[in-house]
């Protein structure tokens, strides 16, 4: 199966990309939206995701890789939701803001724009390449 791409949001004052780098590997937990949880269940080891700072910054700041596929979220007392493990790959050369994403017509159908409240969303390969281009990579 081909590698899939994702976007994962975190509030940087709660858990930032630098926090993940300091840990070396982190658990992506606390997701309580059913659509986002479906995406977590779909992720495979080796898939990559943009790390997006939400609320503060509103920008893509780095890339992570999925290091462990879904398992019961340890923060979910009812064991209905799942988590995945992620490892940092790298910070991107230049952050890509939500404003820049919205201004790019090639990204008009991106889930980040269509379902802005979703904390975990798929990214199409063409969108992935376009964002990397915007980041100067």
C-alpha atoms as a PDB file:
ATOM      1  CA  UNK A   1       0.000   0.000   0.000  1.00  0.00           C
ATOM      2  CA  UNK A   2       1.293   3.460  -0.904  1.00  0.00           C
ATOM      3  CA  UNK A   3       2.403   5.905   1.746  1.00  0.00           C
ATOM      4  CA  UNK A   4      -0.363   8.207   2.895  1.00  0.00           C
ATOM      5  CA  UNK A   5      -0.048  11.793   4.053  1.00  0.00           C
ATOM      6  CA  UNK A   6      -1.799  13.547   6.891  1.00  0.00           C
ATOM      7  CA  UNK A   7      -2.076  16.786   8.824  1.00  0.00           C
ATOM      8  CA  UNK A   8      -2.132  16.629  12.619  1.00  0.00           C
ATOM      9  CA  UNK A   9      -2.992  19.673  14.721  1.00  0.00           C
ATOM     10  CA  UNK A  10      -1.745  20.498  18.174  1.00  0.00           C
ATOM     11  CA  UNK A  11      -1.893  23.646  20.241  1.00  0.00           C
ATOM     12  CA  UNK A  12       1.777  24.625  20.659  1.00  0.00           C
ATOM     13  CA  UNK A  13       1.266  25.843  24.226  1.00  0.00           C
ATOM     14  CA  UNK A  14       0.015  22.328  25.081  1.00  0.00           C
ATOM     15  CA  UNK A  15       2.259  20.168  22.852  1.00  0.00           C
ATOM     16  CA  UNK A  16       4.527  21.724  20.234  1.00  0.00           C
ATOM     17  CA  UNK A  17       6.760  20.289  17.554  1.00  0.00           C
ATOM     18  CA  UNK A  18       9.742  21.126  19.768  1.00  0.00           C
ATOM     19  CA  UNK A  19       8.145  19.123  22.590  1.00  0.00           C
ATOM     20  CA  UNK A  20       7.979  16.127  20.253  1.00  0.00           C
ATOM     21  CA  UNK A  21      11.601  16.610  19.208  1.00  0.00           C
ATOM     22  CA  UNK A  22      12.637  16.711  22.878  1.00  0.00           C
ATOM     23  CA  UNK A  23      10.740  13.466  23.559  1.00  0.00           C
ATOM     24  CA  UNK A  24      12.032  11.721  20.437  1.00  0.00           C
ATOM     25  CA  UNK A  25       8.711   9.912  20.029  1.00  0.00           C
ATOM     26  CA  UNK A  26       5.267  10.909  21.218  1.00  0.00           C
ATOM     27  CA  UNK A  27       1.771   9.531  21.621  1.00  0.00           C
ATOM     28  CA  UNK A  28      -0.891  11.335  19.600  1.00  0.00           C
ATOM     29  CA  UNK A  29      -3.773  10.968  22.017  1.00  0.00           C
ATOM     30  CA  UNK A  30      -6.789  12.888  23.230  1.00  0.00           C
ATOM     31  CA  UNK A  31      -8.571  12.911  19.859  1.00  0.00           C
ATOM     32  CA  UNK A  32     -12.304  12.692  20.537  1.00  0.00           C
ATOM     33  CA  UNK A  33     -13.763  13.501  17.125  1.00  0.00           C
ATOM     34  CA  UNK A  34     -15.060  10.400  15.343  1.00  0.00           C
ATOM     35  CA  UNK A  35     -13.916  11.538  11.871  1.00  0.00           C
ATOM     36  CA  UNK A  36     -10.415  12.295  13.154  1.00  0.00           C
ATOM     37  CA  UNK A  37     -10.380   8.950  14.988  1.00  0.00           C
ATOM     38  CA  UNK A  38     -11.171   7.149  11.718  1.00  0.00           C
ATOM     39  CA  UNK A  39      -8.116   8.825  10.205  1.00  0.00           C
ATOM     40  CA  UNK A  40      -5.965   7.672  13.137  1.00  0.00           C
ATOM     41  CA  UNK A  41      -7.197   4.104  12.561  1.00  0.00           C
ATOM     42  CA  UNK A  42      -6.232   4.368   8.885  1.00  0.00           C
ATOM     43  CA  UNK A  43      -2.629   5.476   9.506  1.00  0.00           C
ATOM     44  CA  UNK A  44       0.173   2.999   8.830  1.00  0.00           C
ATOM     45  CA  UNK A  45       3.762   2.913  10.057  1.00  0.00           C
ATOM     46  CA  UNK A  46       5.821   5.052   7.670  1.00  0.00           C
ATOM     47  CA  UNK A  47       3.003   7.421   6.723  1.00  0.00           C
ATOM     48  CA  UNK A  48       3.982  11.054   7.130  1.00  0.00           C
ATOM     49  CA  UNK A  49       2.080  14.005   8.551  1.00  0.00           C
ATOM     50  CA  UNK A  50       2.462  17.726   8.694  1.00  0.00           C
ATOM     51  CA  UNK A  51       2.633  18.979  12.281  1.00  0.00           C
ATOM     52  CA  UNK A  52       0.339  21.997  12.446  1.00  0.00           C
ATOM     53  CA  UNK A  53       0.355  24.480  15.320  1.00  0.00           C
ATOM     54  CA  UNK A  54      -3.288  25.383  15.921  1.00  0.00           C
ATOM     55  CA  UNK A  55      -4.748  28.339  17.822  1.00  0.00           C
ATOM     56  CA  UNK A  56      -1.322  29.960  18.279  1.00  0.00           C
ATOM     57  CA  UNK A  57       0.570  30.340  15.021  1.00  0.00           C
ATOM     58  CA  UNK A  58      -1.898  28.636  12.667  1.00  0.00           C
ATOM     59  CA  UNK A  59       0.908  27.162  10.602  1.00  0.00           C
ATOM     60  CA  UNK A  60       2.591  23.984   9.472  1.00  0.00           C
ATOM     61  CA  UNK A  61       5.927  23.783  11.249  1.00  0.00           C
ATOM     62  CA  UNK A  62       7.258  20.274  10.724  1.00  0.00           C
ATOM     63  CA  UNK A  63       6.896  16.726   9.493  1.00  0.00           C
ATOM     64  CA  UNK A  64       6.372  13.597  11.578  1.00  0.00           C
ATOM     65  CA  UNK A  65       6.245   9.920  10.709  1.00  0.00           C
ATOM     66  CA  UNK A  66       3.831   7.382  12.127  1.00  0.00           C
ATOM     67  CA  UNK A  67       5.934   5.000  14.229  1.00  0.00           C
ATOM     68  CA  UNK A  68       3.157   2.841  15.712  1.00  0.00           C
ATOM     69  CA  UNK A  69      -0.294   2.159  14.312  1.00  0.00           C
ATOM     70  CA  UNK A  70      -3.447   2.739  16.326  1.00  0.00           C
ATOM     71  CA  UNK A  71      -4.019   1.368  19.802  1.00  0.00           C
ATOM     72  CA  UNK A  72      -6.539   2.202  22.521  1.00  0.00           C
ATOM     73  CA  UNK A  73      -5.944   5.774  23.660  1.00  0.00           C
ATOM     74  CA  UNK A  74      -4.586   5.571  27.221  1.00  0.00           C
ATOM     75  CA  UNK A  75      -6.382   8.845  28.065  1.00  0.00           C
ATOM     76  CA  UNK A  76      -9.801   7.429  27.096  1.00  0.00           C
ATOM     77  CA  UNK A  77     -11.413   5.810  30.133  1.00  0.00           C
ATOM     78  CA  UNK A  78     -14.135   4.223  27.980  1.00  0.00           C
ATOM     79  CA  UNK A  79     -11.607   2.770  25.485  1.00  0.00           C
ATOM     80  CA  UNK A  80     -13.566   4.004  22.446  1.00  0.00           C
ATOM     81  CA  UNK A  81     -10.885   6.152  20.854  1.00  0.00           C
ATOM     82  CA  UNK A  82      -7.417   5.370  19.561  1.00  0.00           C
ATOM     83  CA  UNK A  83      -3.982   6.970  19.540  1.00  0.00           C
ATOM     84  CA  UNK A  84      -0.875   6.530  17.377  1.00  0.00           C
ATOM     85  CA  UNK A  85       2.825   7.056  18.050  1.00  0.00           C
ATOM     86  CA  UNK A  86       4.773   9.607  16.017  1.00  0.00           C
ATOM     87  CA  UNK A  87       8.416  10.561  15.594  1.00  0.00           C
ATOM     88  CA  UNK A  88       9.736  13.875  14.329  1.00  0.00           C
ATOM     89  CA  UNK A  89      11.256  13.880  10.840  1.00  0.00           C
ATOM     90  CA  UNK A  90      12.244  17.529  10.499  1.00  0.00           C
ATOM     91  CA  UNK A  91      11.147  21.109  10.808  1.00  0.00           C
ATOM     92  CA  UNK A  92      10.212  22.502   7.431  1.00  0.00           C
ATOM     93  CA  UNK A  93      12.467  25.138   5.916  1.00  0.00           C
ATOM     94  CA  UNK A  94       9.824  27.860   6.096  1.00  0.00           C
ATOM     95  CA  UNK A  95       6.548  27.571   8.011  1.00  0.00           C
ATOM     96  CA  UNK A  96       3.379  27.575   5.902  1.00  0.00           C
ATOM     97  CA  UNK A  97       0.553  29.594   7.403  1.00  0.00           C
ATOM     98  CA  UNK A  98      -3.137  28.881   7.163  1.00  0.00           C
ATOM     99  CA  UNK A  99      -3.517  32.228   5.425  1.00  0.00           C
ATOM    100  CA  UNK A 100      -1.024  31.157   2.717  1.00  0.00           C
ATOM    101  CA  UNK A 101      -2.768  27.791   2.332  1.00  0.00           C
ATOM    102  CA  UNK A 102      -6.157  29.472   1.899  1.00  0.00           C
ATOM    103  CA  UNK A 103      -4.672  31.866  -0.670  1.00  0.00           C
ATOM    104  CA  UNK A 104      -3.329  29.014  -2.835  1.00  0.00           C
ATOM    105  CA  UNK A 105      -5.973  27.836  -5.334  1.00  0.00           C
ATOM    106  CA  UNK A 106      -4.211  24.466  -5.662  1.00  0.00           C
ATOM    107  CA  UNK A 107      -5.114  23.808  -2.019  1.00  0.00           C
ATOM    108  CA  UNK A 108      -8.777  24.906  -2.158  1.00  0.00           C
ATOM    109  CA  UNK A 109     -10.070  21.338  -1.652  1.00  0.00           C
ATOM    110  CA  UNK A 110      -7.722  20.566   1.223  1.00  0.00           C
ATOM    111  CA  UNK A 111      -9.436  19.090   4.292  1.00  0.00           C
ATOM    112  CA  UNK A 112      -7.742  21.702   6.491  1.00  0.00           C
ATOM    113  CA  UNK A 113      -9.873  24.305   4.732  1.00  0.00           C
ATOM    114  CA  UNK A 114     -13.018  22.235   4.137  1.00  0.00           C
ATOM    115  CA  UNK A 115     -13.230  20.854   7.690  1.00  0.00           C
ATOM    116  CA  UNK A 116     -11.206  23.367   9.644  1.00  0.00           C
ATOM    117  CA  UNK A 117     -12.078  21.974  13.091  1.00  0.00           C
ATOM    118  CA  UNK A 118     -10.791  18.485  12.302  1.00  0.00           C
ATOM    119  CA  UNK A 119      -7.600  17.779  14.286  1.00  0.00           C
ATOM    120  CA  UNK A 120      -6.393  14.912  12.067  1.00  0.00           C
ATOM    121  CA  UNK A 121      -7.015  15.032   8.329  1.00  0.00           C
ATOM    122  CA  UNK A 122      -5.746  13.413   5.143  1.00  0.00           C
ATOM    123  CA  UNK A 123      -3.513  15.335   2.742  1.00  0.00           C
ATOM    124  CA  UNK A 124      -3.511  14.382  -0.942  1.00  0.00           C
ATOM    125  CA  UNK A 125      -0.063  13.738  -2.516  1.00  0.00           C
ATOM    126  CA  UNK A 126      -0.395  16.799  -4.777  1.00  0.00           C
ATOM    127  CA  UNK A 127      -1.269  18.959  -1.734  1.00  0.00           C
ATOM    128  CA  UNK A 128       1.717  17.519   0.149  1.00  0.00           C
ATOM    129  CA  UNK A 129       4.050  18.471  -2.704  1.00  0.00           C
ATOM    130  CA  UNK A 130       2.508  21.951  -3.015  1.00  0.00           C
ATOM    131  CA  UNK A 131       2.957  22.673   0.694  1.00  0.00           C
ATOM    132  CA  UNK A 132       6.567  21.490   0.587  1.00  0.00           C
ATOM    133  CA  UNK A 133       7.105  23.806  -2.381  1.00  0.00           C
ATOM    134  CA  UNK A 134       5.586  26.677  -0.379  1.00  0.00           C
ATOM    135  CA  UNK A 135       7.925  25.777   2.487  1.00  0.00           C
ATOM    136  CA  UNK A 136      10.943  26.152   0.194  1.00  0.00           C
ATOM    137  CA  UNK A 137      11.666  22.438  -0.029  1.00  0.00           C
END
